[in-house]
Amino acid sequence: MKTVLLIDDSTTIRLSISEILTKNGFHVDTASDGQSALDKLAAGVRPDLIVSDVKMPRVDGITFVRKARDLPGLRFTPILMLTSPVPVRTPEADQALRADAKTAGATGWMVKPVKPHDLVAVIRQLVPDLPEV
């Protein structure tokens, strides 16, 4: 069973995405912000995939990606970023945020709310050796 580390400061998002992933055969470990996730990784958690929110307290998603990429064994772990649409952000600001995430080492990007089928399809692209559920 593949393990996903899900990082989001919203309890509702963590619960709903955890349910989607669990129903699709994943073991899900969660963290409420980037610092909590870094602490888990430092303690030896080694997920097959990381799904992280962008905007979070303490350590935001892009900073998390930068720091995670420096940890042993995580250089090539896929990291999927999730972000909420923000009406006041311009398309240029969105593109800059995506570029920052990619430069930091993020593998992919999705905008919330995500449809379960779309999320699983993207994860299957990032972790191709998953069995069908």
C-alpha atoms as a PDB file:
ATOM      1  CA  MET A   1       0.000   0.000   0.000  1.00  0.00           C
ATOM      2  CA  LYS A   2       1.364   3.410  -1.002  1.00  0.00           C
ATOM      3  CA  THR A   3       1.534   6.175   1.580  1.00  0.00           C
ATOM      4  CA  VAL A   4       0.488   9.774   0.967  1.00  0.00           C
ATOM      5  CA  LEU A   5       1.460  12.599   3.297  1.00  0.00           C
ATOM      6  CA  LEU A   6      -1.404  15.109   3.095  1.00  0.00           C
ATOM      7  CA  ILE A   7      -0.671  18.620   4.379  1.00  0.00           C
ATOM      8  CA  ASP A   8      -3.452  21.162   4.767  1.00  0.00           C
ATOM      9  CA  ASP A   9      -4.466  23.553   7.530  1.00  0.00           C
ATOM     10  CA  SER A  10      -8.167  22.904   6.841  1.00  0.00           C
ATOM     11  CA  THR A  11      -9.540  19.964   8.821  1.00  0.00           C
ATOM     12  CA  THR A  12     -12.375  19.635   6.301  1.00  0.00           C
ATOM     13  CA  ILE A  13      -9.971  19.375   3.360  1.00  0.00           C
ATOM     14  CA  ARG A  14      -7.771  16.873   5.208  1.00  0.00           C
ATOM     15  CA  LEU A  15     -10.802  14.694   6.005  1.00  0.00           C
ATOM     16  CA  SER A  16     -12.316  14.823   2.521  1.00  0.00           C
ATOM     17  CA  ILE A  17      -9.075  14.200   0.624  1.00  0.00           C
ATOM     18  CA  SER A  18      -8.055  11.498   3.115  1.00  0.00           C
ATOM     19  CA  GLU A  19     -11.347   9.738   2.446  1.00  0.00           C
ATOM     20  CA  ILE A  20     -10.842   9.940  -1.329  1.00  0.00           C
ATOM     21  CA  LEU A  21      -7.313   8.567  -1.050  1.00  0.00           C
ATOM     22  CA  THR A  22      -8.209   5.833   1.429  1.00  0.00           C
ATOM     23  CA  LYS A  23     -11.054   4.650  -0.808  1.00  0.00           C
ATOM     24  CA  ASN A  24      -8.506   4.422  -3.619  1.00  0.00           C
ATOM     25  CA  GLY A  25      -6.126   2.192  -1.714  1.00  0.00           C
ATOM     26  CA  PHE A  26      -3.711   4.626  -0.097  1.00  0.00           C
ATOM     27  CA  HIS A  27      -2.508   4.853   3.459  1.00  0.00           C
ATOM     28  CA  VAL A  28      -2.809   8.541   4.429  1.00  0.00           C
ATOM     29  CA  ASP A  29      -0.706  10.378   6.978  1.00  0.00           C
ATOM     30  CA  THR A  30      -1.699  13.992   7.662  1.00  0.00           C
ATOM     31  CA  ALA A  31      -0.175  17.214   8.903  1.00  0.00           C
ATOM     32  CA  SER A  32      -1.865  20.540   9.607  1.00  0.00           C
ATOM     33  CA  ASP A  33       0.947  22.727   8.269  1.00  0.00           C
ATOM     34  CA  GLY A  34       4.364  22.598   6.652  1.00  0.00           C
ATOM     35  CA  GLN A  35       6.252  22.560   9.952  1.00  0.00           C
ATOM     36  CA  SER A  36       4.284  19.584  11.275  1.00  0.00           C
ATOM     37  CA  ALA A  37       4.981  17.776   7.995  1.00  0.00           C
ATOM     38  CA  LEU A  38       8.707  18.573   8.196  1.00  0.00           C
ATOM     39  CA  ASP A  39       8.727  17.218  11.760  1.00  0.00           C
ATOM     40  CA  LYS A  40       7.154  13.948  10.540  1.00  0.00           C
ATOM     41  CA  LEU A  41       9.671  13.670   7.724  1.00  0.00           C
ATOM     42  CA  ALA A  42      12.542  14.367  10.128  1.00  0.00           C
ATOM     43  CA  ALA A  43      11.177  11.566  12.341  1.00  0.00           C
ATOM     44  CA  GLY A  44      11.480   9.124   9.439  1.00  0.00           C
ATOM     45  CA  VAL A  45       8.118   9.192   7.641  1.00  0.00           C
ATOM     46  CA  ARG A  46       8.841   8.435   3.967  1.00  0.00           C
ATOM     47  CA  PRO A  47       5.694   8.796   1.838  1.00  0.00           C
ATOM     48  CA  ASP A  48       5.414   7.706  -1.773  1.00  0.00           C
ATOM     49  CA  LEU A  49       3.676  11.002  -2.546  1.00  0.00           C
ATOM     50  CA  ILE A  50       3.125  14.322  -0.783  1.00  0.00           C
ATOM     51  CA  VAL A  51       0.029  16.467  -1.338  1.00  0.00           C
ATOM     52  CA  SER A  52       0.398  19.947   0.116  1.00  0.00           C
ATOM     53  CA  ASP A  53      -1.686  23.081   0.394  1.00  0.00           C
ATOM     54  CA  VAL A  54       0.112  26.281  -0.576  1.00  0.00           C
ATOM     55  CA  LYS A  55      -1.184  28.788   1.982  1.00  0.00           C
ATOM     56  CA  MET A  56      -0.658  27.526   5.551  1.00  0.00           C
ATOM     57  CA  PRO A  57       0.476  28.934   8.909  1.00  0.00           C
ATOM     58  CA  ARG A  58       4.002  28.480  10.274  1.00  0.00           C
ATOM     59  CA  VAL A  59       5.554  26.999   7.112  1.00  0.00           C
ATOM     60  CA  ASP A  60       3.757  27.569   3.808  1.00  0.00           C
ATOM     61  CA  GLY A  61       3.631  24.951   1.057  1.00  0.00           C
ATOM     62  CA  ILE A  62       6.370  26.360  -1.173  1.00  0.00           C
ATOM     63  CA  THR A  63       8.780  26.759   1.736  1.00  0.00           C
ATOM     64  CA  PHE A  64       7.864  23.211   2.782  1.00  0.00           C
ATOM     65  CA  VAL A  65       8.775  21.901  -0.686  1.00  0.00           C
ATOM     66  CA  ARG A  66      12.162  23.647  -0.612  1.00  0.00           C
ATOM     67  CA  LYS A  67      12.985  22.213   2.794  1.00  0.00           C
ATOM     68  CA  ALA A  68      11.628  18.730   2.002  1.00  0.00           C
ATOM     69  CA  ARG A  69      13.759  18.496  -1.139  1.00  0.00           C
ATOM     70  CA  ASP A  70      16.856  18.926   1.053  1.00  0.00           C
ATOM     71  CA  LEU A  71      15.972  15.925   3.237  1.00  0.00           C
ATOM     72  CA  PRO A  72      17.572  12.525   2.511  1.00  0.00           C
ATOM     73  CA  GLY A  73      15.391  10.252   0.402  1.00  0.00           C
ATOM     74  CA  LEU A  74      12.894  12.936  -0.653  1.00  0.00           C
ATOM     75  CA  ARG A  75      14.629  14.458  -3.652  1.00  0.00           C
ATOM     76  CA  PHE A  76      12.492  12.510  -6.123  1.00  0.00           C
ATOM     77  CA  THR A  77       9.286  12.017  -4.103  1.00  0.00           C
ATOM     78  CA  PRO A  78       6.389  13.530  -6.103  1.00  0.00           C
ATOM     79  CA  ILE A  79       4.880  16.600  -4.450  1.00  0.00           C
ATOM     80  CA  LEU A  80       1.475  17.774  -5.638  1.00  0.00           C
ATOM     81  CA  MET A  81       0.474  21.288  -4.634  1.00  0.00           C
ATOM     82  CA  LEU A  82      -3.163  22.200  -3.960  1.00  0.00           C
ATOM     83  CA  THR A  83      -4.330  25.780  -3.804  1.00  0.00           C
ATOM     84  CA  SER A  84      -7.616  27.546  -3.323  1.00  0.00           C
ATOM     85  CA  PRO A  85      -8.743  29.912  -6.044  1.00  0.00           C
ATOM     86  CA  VAL A  86      -8.376  33.453  -4.802  1.00  0.00           C
ATOM     87  CA  PRO A  87     -10.453  36.004  -6.710  1.00  0.00           C
ATOM     88  CA  VAL A  88      -8.142  38.912  -5.895  1.00  0.00           C
ATOM     89  CA  ARG A  89      -5.081  37.190  -7.372  1.00  0.00           C
ATOM     90  CA  THR A  90      -4.375  38.067 -10.962  1.00  0.00           C
ATOM     91  CA  PRO A  91      -3.557  35.416 -13.563  1.00  0.00           C
ATOM     92  CA  GLU A  92       0.001  36.758 -13.518  1.00  0.00           C
ATOM     93  CA  ALA A  93       0.217  36.275  -9.741  1.00  0.00           C
ATOM     94  CA  ASP A  94      -1.101  32.708 -10.129  1.00  0.00           C
ATOM     95  CA  GLN A  95       1.522  31.988 -12.784  1.00  0.00           C
ATOM     96  CA  ALA A  96       4.242  33.435 -10.541  1.00  0.00           C
ATOM     97  CA  LEU A  97       3.072  31.279  -7.620  1.00  0.00           C
ATOM     98  CA  ARG A  98       3.086  28.166  -9.832  1.00  0.00           C
ATOM     99  CA  ALA A  99       6.556  29.061 -11.110  1.00  0.00           C
ATOM    100  CA  ASP A 100       7.797  29.479  -7.519  1.00  0.00           C
ATOM    101  CA  ALA A 101       6.365  26.069  -6.619  1.00  0.00           C
ATOM    102  CA  LYS A 102       8.001  24.431  -9.627  1.00  0.00           C
ATOM    103  CA  THR A 103      11.342  26.085  -8.898  1.00  0.00           C
ATOM    104  CA  ALA A 104      11.078  24.881  -5.284  1.00  0.00           C
ATOM    105  CA  GLY A 105      10.639  21.315  -6.539  1.00  0.00           C
ATOM    106  CA  ALA A 106       6.872  20.743  -6.786  1.00  0.00           C
ATOM    107  CA  THR A 107       5.889  18.067  -9.274  1.00  0.00           C
ATOM    108  CA  GLY A 108       2.311  19.166  -9.996  1.00  0.00           C
ATOM    109  CA  TRP A 109      -0.401  21.707  -9.219  1.00  0.00           C
ATOM    110  CA  MET A 110      -4.183  21.495  -8.772  1.00  0.00           C
ATOM    111  CA  VAL A 111      -6.779  24.089  -7.760  1.00  0.00           C
ATOM    112  CA  LYS A 112      -9.310  23.250  -5.036  1.00  0.00           C
ATOM    113  CA  PRO A 113     -11.954  22.051  -4.961  1.00  0.00           C
ATOM    114  CA  VAL A 114     -10.666  18.945  -6.707  1.00  0.00           C
ATOM    115  CA  LYS A 115     -12.941  16.282  -8.096  1.00  0.00           C
ATOM    116  CA  PRO A 116     -12.097  12.850  -6.664  1.00  0.00           C
ATOM    117  CA  HIS A 117     -11.654  11.302 -10.116  1.00  0.00           C
ATOM    118  CA  ASP A 118      -9.338  14.127 -11.243  1.00  0.00           C
ATOM    119  CA  LEU A 119      -7.231  13.908  -8.082  1.00  0.00           C
ATOM    120  CA  VAL A 120      -6.793  10.149  -8.408  1.00  0.00           C
ATOM    121  CA  ALA A 121      -5.980  10.494 -12.131  1.00  0.00           C
ATOM    122  CA  VAL A 122      -3.225  13.023 -11.408  1.00  0.00           C
ATOM    123  CA  ILE A 123      -1.840  10.882  -8.575  1.00  0.00           C
ATOM    124  CA  ARG A 124      -1.771   7.847 -10.876  1.00  0.00           C
ATOM    125  CA  GLN A 125       0.347   9.884 -13.300  1.00  0.00           C
ATOM    126  CA  LEU A 126       2.742  10.878 -10.520  1.00  0.00           C
ATOM    127  CA  VAL A 127       2.908   7.382  -8.974  1.00  0.00           C
ATOM    128  CA  PRO A 128       2.359   5.126 -12.003  1.00  0.00           C
ATOM    129  CA  ASP A 129       2.833   1.721 -10.362  1.00  0.00           C
ATOM    130  CA  LEU A 130      -0.407   1.888  -8.364  1.00  0.00           C
ATOM    131  CA  PRO A 131      -2.799  -1.054  -8.554  1.00  0.00           C
ATOM    132  CA  GLU A 132      -6.336  -0.321  -9.769  1.00  0.00           C
ATOM    133  CA  VAL A 133      -8.959  -0.251  -6.994  1.00  0.00           C
END
